[in-house]
Amino acid sequence: MSAAATINRAVPSSRGKTCWLGTPEIYFRKSIDNSRLVKVEDPRRAREMKQFGIALCILFALVMGYALQHFRAIEYGYQIESLRSQRDGLLEMNRALRLEEASLRDPERIDVMARKLGLQSPQPGQVMHLDVNSDTSTPVMASVTPISVVSAR
């Protein structure tokens, strides 16, 4: 681009008269060749940039560590709530099963069903209670007791 002149022209006034505002400005192009320049490395600036980079890395690691802990805490909270609801469901199922077991172990119910099948009441000495409450902390000696089977026919 060669020399270019810009002339500031006045805005026409209300009377239609033109006037010059200021002087014209002329810009000349000057080409600068920086190909022979060699950048000198500043050791102080390089040290500052290394320290800044290390500080940024440490800050990033701290922020990421905090974020990781935060998100894990949220995830563990969801897992705890899930396990609590699962435990509550299992407790309810256990309660229902214990109730069903109690109703099935009812001696009157068993007696009615046995009489429907044609069974008779047991003779003295025929009944062995299997769920005898004993102390489980003491050792138990194994023993064999004879059992006699009486047919109903």
N, C-alpha and C. Protein backbone atom coordinates (compact mmCIF):
# COMPACT_ATOMS: atom_id res chain seq x y z
N MET A 1 0.85 -1.16 0.00
CA MET A 1 0.00 0.00 0.00
C MET A 1 0.90 1.22 0.00
N SER A 2 0.74 2.07 -0.97
CA SER A 2 1.55 3.29 -1.06
C SER A 2 0.95 4.33 -0.14
N ALA A 3 1.45 5.53 -0.24
CA ALA A 3 0.97 6.59 0.65
C ALA A 3 -0.51 6.84 0.42
N ALA A 4 -1.20 6.88 1.49
CA ALA A 4 -2.65 7.10 1.38
C ALA A 4 -3.01 8.30 2.22
N ALA A 5 -3.81 9.13 1.65
CA ALA A 5 -4.21 10.34 2.37
C ALA A 5 -5.68 10.24 2.68
N THR A 6 -5.98 10.58 3.90
CA THR A 6 -7.39 10.65 4.28
C THR A 6 -7.70 12.08 4.61
N ILE A 7 -8.73 12.53 4.04
CA ILE A 7 -9.12 13.92 4.23
C ILE A 7 -10.41 13.95 4.99
N ASN A 8 -10.37 14.69 6.08
CA ASN A 8 -11.58 14.83 6.88
C ASN A 8 -12.42 15.94 6.25
N ARG A 9 -13.57 15.59 5.81
CA ARG A 9 -14.45 16.57 5.21
C ARG A 9 -15.53 16.92 6.21
N ALA A 10 -15.93 18.10 6.13
CA ALA A 10 -16.95 18.56 7.07
C ALA A 10 -18.31 18.07 6.64
N VAL A 11 -19.11 17.87 7.62
CA VAL A 11 -20.49 17.50 7.35
C VAL A 11 -21.20 18.76 6.89
N PRO A 12 -21.95 18.70 5.83
CA PRO A 12 -22.62 19.91 5.36
C PRO A 12 -23.53 20.46 6.43
N SER A 13 -23.41 21.71 6.63
CA SER A 13 -24.24 22.35 7.66
C SER A 13 -25.63 22.61 7.10
N SER A 14 -26.45 23.17 7.93
CA SER A 14 -27.83 23.39 7.53
C SER A 14 -27.93 24.43 6.40
N ARG A 15 -26.89 25.29 6.23
CA ARG A 15 -26.93 26.29 5.17
C ARG A 15 -26.41 25.75 3.85
N GLY A 16 -25.87 24.49 3.85
CA GLY A 16 -25.37 23.92 2.61
C GLY A 16 -23.94 24.33 2.34
N LYS A 17 -23.23 24.83 3.31
CA LYS A 17 -21.87 25.31 3.17
C LYS A 17 -20.92 24.24 3.71
N THR A 18 -19.86 23.90 2.97
CA THR A 18 -18.88 22.92 3.41
C THR A 18 -17.69 23.62 4.00
N CYS A 19 -17.06 22.97 4.99
CA CYS A 19 -15.86 23.53 5.59
C CYS A 19 -14.92 22.39 5.94
N TRP A 20 -13.64 22.70 6.07
CA TRP A 20 -12.63 21.71 6.40
C TRP A 20 -12.45 21.65 7.91
N LEU A 21 -12.48 20.45 8.47
CA LEU A 21 -12.22 20.28 9.90
C LEU A 21 -10.83 19.66 10.06
N GLY A 22 -9.90 20.39 10.56
CA GLY A 22 -8.55 19.88 10.80
C GLY A 22 -7.74 19.75 9.54
N THR A 23 -6.59 19.15 9.71
CA THR A 23 -5.67 18.98 8.59
C THR A 23 -5.75 17.55 8.10
N PRO A 24 -5.43 17.32 6.84
CA PRO A 24 -5.45 15.95 6.34
C PRO A 24 -4.30 15.14 6.96
N GLU A 25 -4.57 13.85 7.25
CA GLU A 25 -3.55 12.98 7.84
C GLU A 25 -3.00 12.07 6.76
N ILE A 26 -1.70 11.92 6.74
CA ILE A 26 -1.04 11.09 5.72
C ILE A 26 -0.25 10.03 6.45
N TYR A 27 -0.43 8.75 6.06
CA TYR A 27 0.26 7.64 6.67
C TYR A 27 1.19 7.02 5.65
N PHE A 28 2.44 6.76 6.05
CA PHE A 28 3.41 6.13 5.18
C PHE A 28 3.67 4.71 5.68
N ARG A 29 3.82 3.79 4.76
CA ARG A 29 4.08 2.39 5.11
C ARG A 29 5.57 2.20 5.30
N LYS A 30 5.92 1.58 6.43
CA LYS A 30 7.32 1.33 6.69
C LYS A 30 7.46 -0.17 6.95
N SER A 31 8.22 -0.85 6.13
CA SER A 31 8.39 -2.29 6.29
C SER A 31 9.53 -2.54 7.27
N ILE A 32 9.27 -3.44 8.23
CA ILE A 32 10.26 -3.75 9.25
C ILE A 32 10.61 -5.23 9.10
N ASP A 33 11.89 -5.52 9.03
CA ASP A 33 12.37 -6.88 8.88
C ASP A 33 12.97 -7.34 10.21
N ASN A 34 12.28 -8.27 10.90
CA ASN A 34 12.76 -8.78 12.19
C ASN A 34 13.38 -10.16 12.06
N SER A 35 13.72 -10.59 10.85
CA SER A 35 14.23 -11.93 10.66
C SER A 35 15.62 -12.11 11.25
N ARG A 36 16.36 -11.08 11.41
CA ARG A 36 17.71 -11.19 11.95
C ARG A 36 17.74 -11.12 13.48
N LEU A 37 16.60 -10.83 14.09
CA LEU A 37 16.57 -10.71 15.54
C LEU A 37 16.55 -12.09 16.18
N VAL A 38 17.25 -12.23 17.28
CA VAL A 38 17.30 -13.48 18.03
C VAL A 38 16.74 -13.18 19.42
N LYS A 39 15.78 -14.02 19.83
CA LYS A 39 15.17 -13.82 21.13
C LYS A 39 16.10 -14.35 22.21
N VAL A 40 16.37 -13.52 23.19
CA VAL A 40 17.22 -13.92 24.30
C VAL A 40 16.31 -14.47 25.39
N GLU A 41 16.67 -15.68 25.86
CA GLU A 41 15.85 -16.32 26.88
C GLU A 41 16.18 -15.74 28.24
N ASP A 42 15.14 -15.37 28.96
CA ASP A 42 15.30 -14.79 30.28
C ASP A 42 15.16 -15.91 31.32
N PRO A 43 16.22 -16.27 32.05
CA PRO A 43 16.13 -17.38 33.00
C PRO A 43 15.17 -17.09 34.15
N ARG A 44 15.07 -15.84 34.56
CA ARG A 44 14.14 -15.48 35.64
C ARG A 44 12.69 -15.70 35.20
N ARG A 45 12.39 -15.29 33.99
CA ARG A 45 11.04 -15.46 33.45
C ARG A 45 10.72 -16.95 33.30
N ALA A 46 11.69 -17.74 32.83
CA ALA A 46 11.48 -19.18 32.68
C ALA A 46 11.22 -19.82 34.04
N ARG A 47 11.96 -19.43 35.07
CA ARG A 47 11.76 -19.97 36.42
C ARG A 47 10.37 -19.59 36.94
N GLU A 48 9.96 -18.34 36.71
CA GLU A 48 8.63 -17.91 37.14
C GLU A 48 7.54 -18.71 36.44
N MET A 49 7.73 -18.97 35.16
CA MET A 49 6.72 -19.74 34.42
C MET A 49 6.66 -21.19 34.91
N LYS A 50 7.83 -21.79 35.25
CA LYS A 50 7.82 -23.14 35.81
C LYS A 50 7.11 -23.17 37.15
N GLN A 51 7.38 -22.20 38.00
CA GLN A 51 6.71 -22.13 39.30
C GLN A 51 5.21 -21.94 39.13
N PHE A 52 4.83 -21.10 38.21
CA PHE A 52 3.41 -20.87 37.95
C PHE A 52 2.74 -22.14 37.44
N GLY A 53 3.42 -22.85 36.53
CA GLY A 53 2.87 -24.11 36.01
C GLY A 53 2.73 -25.16 37.10
N ILE A 54 3.73 -25.27 37.96
CA ILE A 54 3.67 -26.24 39.06
C ILE A 54 2.54 -25.86 40.02
N ALA A 55 2.41 -24.56 40.32
CA ALA A 55 1.33 -24.12 41.21
C ALA A 55 -0.03 -24.43 40.59
N LEU A 56 -0.17 -24.22 39.29
CA LEU A 56 -1.44 -24.55 38.62
C LEU A 56 -1.73 -26.05 38.67
N CYS A 57 -0.69 -26.87 38.47
CA CYS A 57 -0.89 -28.32 38.53
C CYS A 57 -1.31 -28.76 39.93
N ILE A 58 -0.69 -28.21 40.96
CA ILE A 58 -1.05 -28.55 42.33
C ILE A 58 -2.48 -28.10 42.63
N LEU A 59 -2.82 -26.91 42.20
CA LEU A 59 -4.19 -26.41 42.41
C LEU A 59 -5.20 -27.30 41.69
N PHE A 60 -4.88 -27.69 40.46
CA PHE A 60 -5.77 -28.57 39.71
C PHE A 60 -5.94 -29.91 40.41
N ALA A 61 -4.82 -30.47 40.92
CA ALA A 61 -4.89 -31.75 41.63
C ALA A 61 -5.73 -31.63 42.89
N LEU A 62 -5.59 -30.54 43.62
CA LEU A 62 -6.39 -30.34 44.83
C LEU A 62 -7.87 -30.21 44.50
N VAL A 63 -8.19 -29.45 43.48
CA VAL A 63 -9.59 -29.27 43.09
C VAL A 63 -10.17 -30.60 42.62
N MET A 64 -9.42 -31.36 41.83
CA MET A 64 -9.92 -32.65 41.36
C MET A 64 -10.07 -33.64 42.51
N GLY A 65 -9.15 -33.61 43.48
CA GLY A 65 -9.27 -34.47 44.66
C GLY A 65 -10.52 -34.13 45.46
N TYR A 66 -10.77 -32.85 45.64
CA TYR A 66 -11.98 -32.43 46.36
C TYR A 66 -13.23 -32.87 45.59
N ALA A 67 -13.23 -32.67 44.28
CA ALA A 67 -14.40 -33.05 43.47
C ALA A 67 -14.62 -34.56 43.53
N LEU A 68 -13.52 -35.32 43.47
CA LEU A 68 -13.64 -36.78 43.53
C LEU A 68 -14.25 -37.21 44.87
N GLN A 69 -13.77 -36.64 45.96
CA GLN A 69 -14.32 -36.98 47.27
C GLN A 69 -15.79 -36.58 47.37
N HIS A 70 -16.11 -35.43 46.86
CA HIS A 70 -17.48 -34.94 46.92
C HIS A 70 -18.43 -35.87 46.15
N PHE A 71 -18.05 -36.24 44.93
CA PHE A 71 -18.90 -37.10 44.12
C PHE A 71 -18.98 -38.51 44.69
N ARG A 72 -17.88 -38.99 45.28
CA ARG A 72 -17.93 -40.31 45.92
C ARG A 72 -18.84 -40.28 47.14
N ALA A 73 -18.81 -39.19 47.89
CA ALA A 73 -19.70 -39.07 49.05
C ALA A 73 -21.16 -39.10 48.61
N ILE A 74 -21.46 -38.43 47.53
CA ILE A 74 -22.83 -38.45 47.00
C ILE A 74 -23.20 -39.87 46.55
N GLU A 75 -22.28 -40.52 45.85
CA GLU A 75 -22.53 -41.88 45.37
C GLU A 75 -22.73 -42.83 46.55
N TYR A 76 -21.89 -42.71 47.59
CA TYR A 76 -22.03 -43.57 48.76
C TYR A 76 -23.35 -43.29 49.48
N GLY A 77 -23.79 -42.04 49.48
CA GLY A 77 -25.08 -41.71 50.08
C GLY A 77 -26.21 -42.43 49.37
N TYR A 78 -26.16 -42.44 48.03
CA TYR A 78 -27.19 -43.17 47.27
C TYR A 78 -27.12 -44.67 47.56
N GLN A 79 -25.91 -45.22 47.66
CA GLN A 79 -25.77 -46.64 47.95
C GLN A 79 -26.31 -46.97 49.34
N ILE A 80 -26.04 -46.10 50.32
CA ILE A 80 -26.53 -46.32 51.67
C ILE A 80 -28.06 -46.32 51.69
N GLU A 81 -28.64 -45.37 51.00
CA GLU A 81 -30.11 -45.32 50.96
C GLU A 81 -30.68 -46.55 50.26
N SER A 82 -30.03 -47.01 49.22
CA SER A 82 -30.48 -48.21 48.52
C SER A 82 -30.39 -49.43 49.43
N LEU A 83 -29.28 -49.55 50.16
CA LEU A 83 -29.12 -50.67 51.06
C LEU A 83 -30.10 -50.59 52.23
N ARG A 84 -30.39 -49.38 52.70
CA ARG A 84 -31.39 -49.23 53.78
C ARG A 84 -32.76 -49.69 53.31
N SER A 85 -33.14 -49.28 52.11
CA SER A 85 -34.46 -49.70 51.62
C SER A 85 -34.49 -51.21 51.40
N GLN A 86 -33.36 -51.78 50.93
CA GLN A 86 -33.29 -53.22 50.75
C GLN A 86 -33.38 -53.93 52.11
N ARG A 87 -32.68 -53.40 53.13
CA ARG A 87 -32.75 -53.98 54.48
C ARG A 87 -34.17 -53.90 55.04
N ASP A 88 -34.83 -52.76 54.84
CA ASP A 88 -36.20 -52.63 55.32
C ASP A 88 -37.12 -53.64 54.64
N GLY A 89 -36.92 -53.85 53.36
CA GLY A 89 -37.71 -54.86 52.64
C GLY A 89 -37.45 -56.26 53.17
N LEU A 90 -36.17 -56.56 53.45
CA LEU A 90 -35.84 -57.88 53.98
C LEU A 90 -36.38 -58.07 55.39
N LEU A 91 -36.35 -57.01 56.21
CA LEU A 91 -36.92 -57.10 57.55
C LEU A 91 -38.43 -57.36 57.49
N GLU A 92 -39.09 -56.69 56.56
CA GLU A 92 -40.54 -56.90 56.40
C GLU A 92 -40.82 -58.33 55.92
N MET A 93 -39.99 -58.83 55.00
CA MET A 93 -40.16 -60.19 54.51
C MET A 93 -39.88 -61.18 55.64
N ASN A 94 -38.87 -60.90 56.45
CA ASN A 94 -38.55 -61.77 57.59
C ASN A 94 -39.71 -61.81 58.58
N ARG A 95 -40.30 -60.64 58.85
CA ARG A 95 -41.44 -60.58 59.75
C ARG A 95 -42.61 -61.40 59.20
N ALA A 96 -42.86 -61.27 57.90
CA ALA A 96 -43.95 -62.03 57.27
C ALA A 96 -43.68 -63.53 57.33
N LEU A 97 -42.42 -63.92 57.11
CA LEU A 97 -42.08 -65.35 57.15
C LEU A 97 -42.18 -65.90 58.57
N ARG A 98 -41.79 -65.12 59.56
CA ARG A 98 -41.92 -65.57 60.96
C ARG A 98 -43.41 -65.73 61.32
N LEU A 99 -44.22 -64.80 60.85
CA LEU A 99 -45.66 -64.91 61.10
C LEU A 99 -46.24 -66.15 60.44
N GLU A 100 -45.80 -66.41 59.21
CA GLU A 100 -46.27 -67.61 58.51
C GLU A 100 -45.78 -68.88 59.19
N GLU A 101 -44.53 -68.86 59.66
CA GLU A 101 -43.98 -70.01 60.38
C GLU A 101 -44.78 -70.26 61.67
N ALA A 102 -45.09 -69.18 62.38
CA ALA A 102 -45.86 -69.33 63.62
C ALA A 102 -47.24 -69.90 63.33
N SER A 103 -47.86 -69.45 62.25
CA SER A 103 -49.19 -69.99 61.93
C SER A 103 -49.10 -71.44 61.47
N LEU A 104 -48.03 -71.82 60.80
CA LEU A 104 -47.89 -73.21 60.36
C LEU A 104 -47.52 -74.13 61.51
N ARG A 105 -46.86 -73.63 62.55
CA ARG A 105 -46.48 -74.44 63.70
C ARG A 105 -47.58 -74.54 64.76
N ASP A 106 -48.69 -73.93 64.51
CA ASP A 106 -49.78 -73.94 65.48
C ASP A 106 -50.22 -75.39 65.74
N PRO A 107 -50.15 -75.83 66.99
CA PRO A 107 -50.49 -77.24 67.28
C PRO A 107 -51.95 -77.58 66.97
N GLU A 108 -52.84 -76.65 67.15
CA GLU A 108 -54.24 -76.94 66.85
C GLU A 108 -54.44 -77.19 65.36
N ARG A 109 -53.79 -76.41 64.53
CA ARG A 109 -53.88 -76.59 63.08
C ARG A 109 -53.30 -77.94 62.68
N ILE A 110 -52.14 -78.28 63.28
CA ILE A 110 -51.52 -79.56 62.95
C ILE A 110 -52.42 -80.71 63.40
N ASP A 111 -53.05 -80.59 64.57
CA ASP A 111 -53.93 -81.64 65.08
C ASP A 111 -55.14 -81.84 64.16
N VAL A 112 -55.72 -80.73 63.69
CA VAL A 112 -56.88 -80.82 62.79
C VAL A 112 -56.48 -81.50 61.49
N MET A 113 -55.34 -81.12 60.95
CA MET A 113 -54.88 -81.74 59.68
C MET A 113 -54.56 -83.22 59.89
N ALA A 114 -53.97 -83.56 61.03
CA ALA A 114 -53.64 -84.97 61.30
C ALA A 114 -54.91 -85.80 61.44
N ARG A 115 -55.91 -85.28 62.08
CA ARG A 115 -57.17 -86.03 62.24
C ARG A 115 -57.85 -86.20 60.88
N LYS A 116 -57.73 -85.18 60.00
CA LYS A 116 -58.32 -85.33 58.65
C LYS A 116 -57.62 -86.44 57.87
N LEU A 117 -56.32 -86.62 58.13
CA LEU A 117 -55.58 -87.67 57.44
C LEU A 117 -55.75 -89.03 58.12
N GLY A 118 -56.43 -89.08 59.24
CA GLY A 118 -56.69 -90.35 59.91
C GLY A 118 -55.62 -90.71 60.91
N LEU A 119 -54.80 -89.79 61.34
CA LEU A 119 -53.76 -90.09 62.32
C LEU A 119 -54.34 -90.04 63.72
N GLN A 120 -53.67 -90.72 64.67
CA GLN A 120 -54.11 -90.75 66.06
C GLN A 120 -53.18 -89.92 66.92
N SER A 121 -53.60 -89.63 68.11
CA SER A 121 -52.77 -88.90 69.07
C SER A 121 -51.59 -89.77 69.47
N PRO A 122 -50.43 -89.17 69.71
CA PRO A 122 -49.27 -90.00 70.08
C PRO A 122 -49.40 -90.56 71.49
N GLN A 123 -48.80 -91.73 71.66
CA GLN A 123 -48.78 -92.38 72.97
C GLN A 123 -47.67 -91.74 73.80
N PRO A 124 -47.76 -91.82 75.12
CA PRO A 124 -46.70 -91.26 75.95
C PRO A 124 -45.35 -91.90 75.61
N GLY A 125 -44.32 -91.07 75.45
CA GLY A 125 -42.98 -91.53 75.12
C GLY A 125 -42.68 -91.48 73.64
N GLN A 126 -43.69 -91.26 72.79
CA GLN A 126 -43.46 -91.19 71.35
C GLN A 126 -43.03 -89.79 70.90
N VAL A 127 -43.31 -88.78 71.67
CA VAL A 127 -43.05 -87.40 71.24
C VAL A 127 -41.63 -87.00 71.64
N MET A 128 -40.89 -86.47 70.68
CA MET A 128 -39.56 -85.91 70.95
C MET A 128 -39.56 -84.47 70.46
N HIS A 129 -39.30 -83.56 71.36
CA HIS A 129 -39.24 -82.15 70.99
C HIS A 129 -37.86 -81.84 70.41
N LEU A 130 -37.82 -81.36 69.18
CA LEU A 130 -36.55 -81.10 68.50
C LEU A 130 -36.03 -79.70 68.75
N ASP A 131 -36.90 -78.78 69.03
CA ASP A 131 -36.45 -77.40 69.21
C ASP A 131 -36.37 -77.05 70.70
N VAL A 132 -35.67 -77.88 71.46
CA VAL A 132 -35.49 -77.64 72.88
C VAL A 132 -34.45 -76.53 73.03
N ASN A 133 -34.79 -75.54 73.83
CA ASN A 133 -33.86 -74.44 74.04
C ASN A 133 -32.74 -74.90 74.96
N SER A 134 -31.54 -74.98 74.43
CA SER A 134 -30.39 -75.38 75.23
C SER A 134 -29.32 -74.32 75.08
N ASP A 135 -28.40 -74.32 75.98
CA ASP A 135 -27.31 -73.35 75.95
C ASP A 135 -26.35 -73.74 74.85
N THR A 136 -26.15 -72.86 73.85
CA THR A 136 -25.31 -73.18 72.70
C THR A 136 -23.84 -72.95 72.97
N SER A 137 -23.50 -72.36 74.11
CA SER A 137 -22.09 -72.08 74.38
C SER A 137 -21.36 -73.27 74.98
N THR A 138 -22.10 -74.23 75.53
CA THR A 138 -21.46 -75.42 76.12
C THR A 138 -21.43 -76.54 75.10
N PRO A 139 -20.40 -77.37 75.14
CA PRO A 139 -20.34 -78.49 74.20
C PRO A 139 -21.41 -79.53 74.51
N VAL A 140 -21.89 -80.18 73.47
CA VAL A 140 -22.95 -81.18 73.61
C VAL A 140 -22.39 -82.52 73.19
N MET A 141 -22.69 -83.53 74.00
CA MET A 141 -22.24 -84.88 73.69
C MET A 141 -23.30 -85.55 72.83
N ALA A 142 -22.87 -86.15 71.76
CA ALA A 142 -23.81 -86.84 70.88
C ALA A 142 -24.29 -88.12 71.55
N SER A 143 -25.58 -88.40 71.38
CA SER A 143 -26.13 -89.62 71.97
C SER A 143 -27.18 -90.18 71.01
N VAL A 144 -27.41 -91.45 71.12
CA VAL A 144 -28.39 -92.13 70.27
C VAL A 144 -29.52 -92.58 71.17
N THR A 145 -30.74 -92.21 70.82
CA THR A 145 -31.91 -92.68 71.58
C THR A 145 -32.78 -93.48 70.64
N PRO A 146 -33.26 -94.60 71.09
CA PRO A 146 -34.10 -95.42 70.20
C PRO A 146 -35.47 -94.79 70.01
N ILE A 147 -35.96 -94.84 68.79
CA ILE A 147 -37.28 -94.30 68.45
C ILE A 147 -38.08 -95.43 67.86
N SER A 148 -39.29 -95.57 68.36
CA SER A 148 -40.15 -96.61 67.81
C SER A 148 -41.23 -95.97 66.96
N VAL A 149 -41.51 -96.53 65.83
CA VAL A 149 -42.50 -96.03 64.91
C VAL A 149 -43.74 -96.91 65.00
N VAL A 150 -44.90 -96.28 65.23
CA VAL A 150 -46.15 -97.00 65.34
C VAL A 150 -46.99 -96.65 64.13
N SER A 151 -47.41 -97.64 63.40
CA SER A 151 -48.23 -97.33 62.22
C SER A 151 -49.66 -97.10 62.68
N ALA A 152 -50.38 -96.31 61.91
CA ALA A 152 -51.74 -95.94 62.25
C ALA A 152 -52.73 -96.99 61.84
N ARG A 153 -52.39 -98.03 61.14
CA ARG A 153 -53.33 -99.03 60.64
C ARG A 153 -53.39 -100.23 61.45
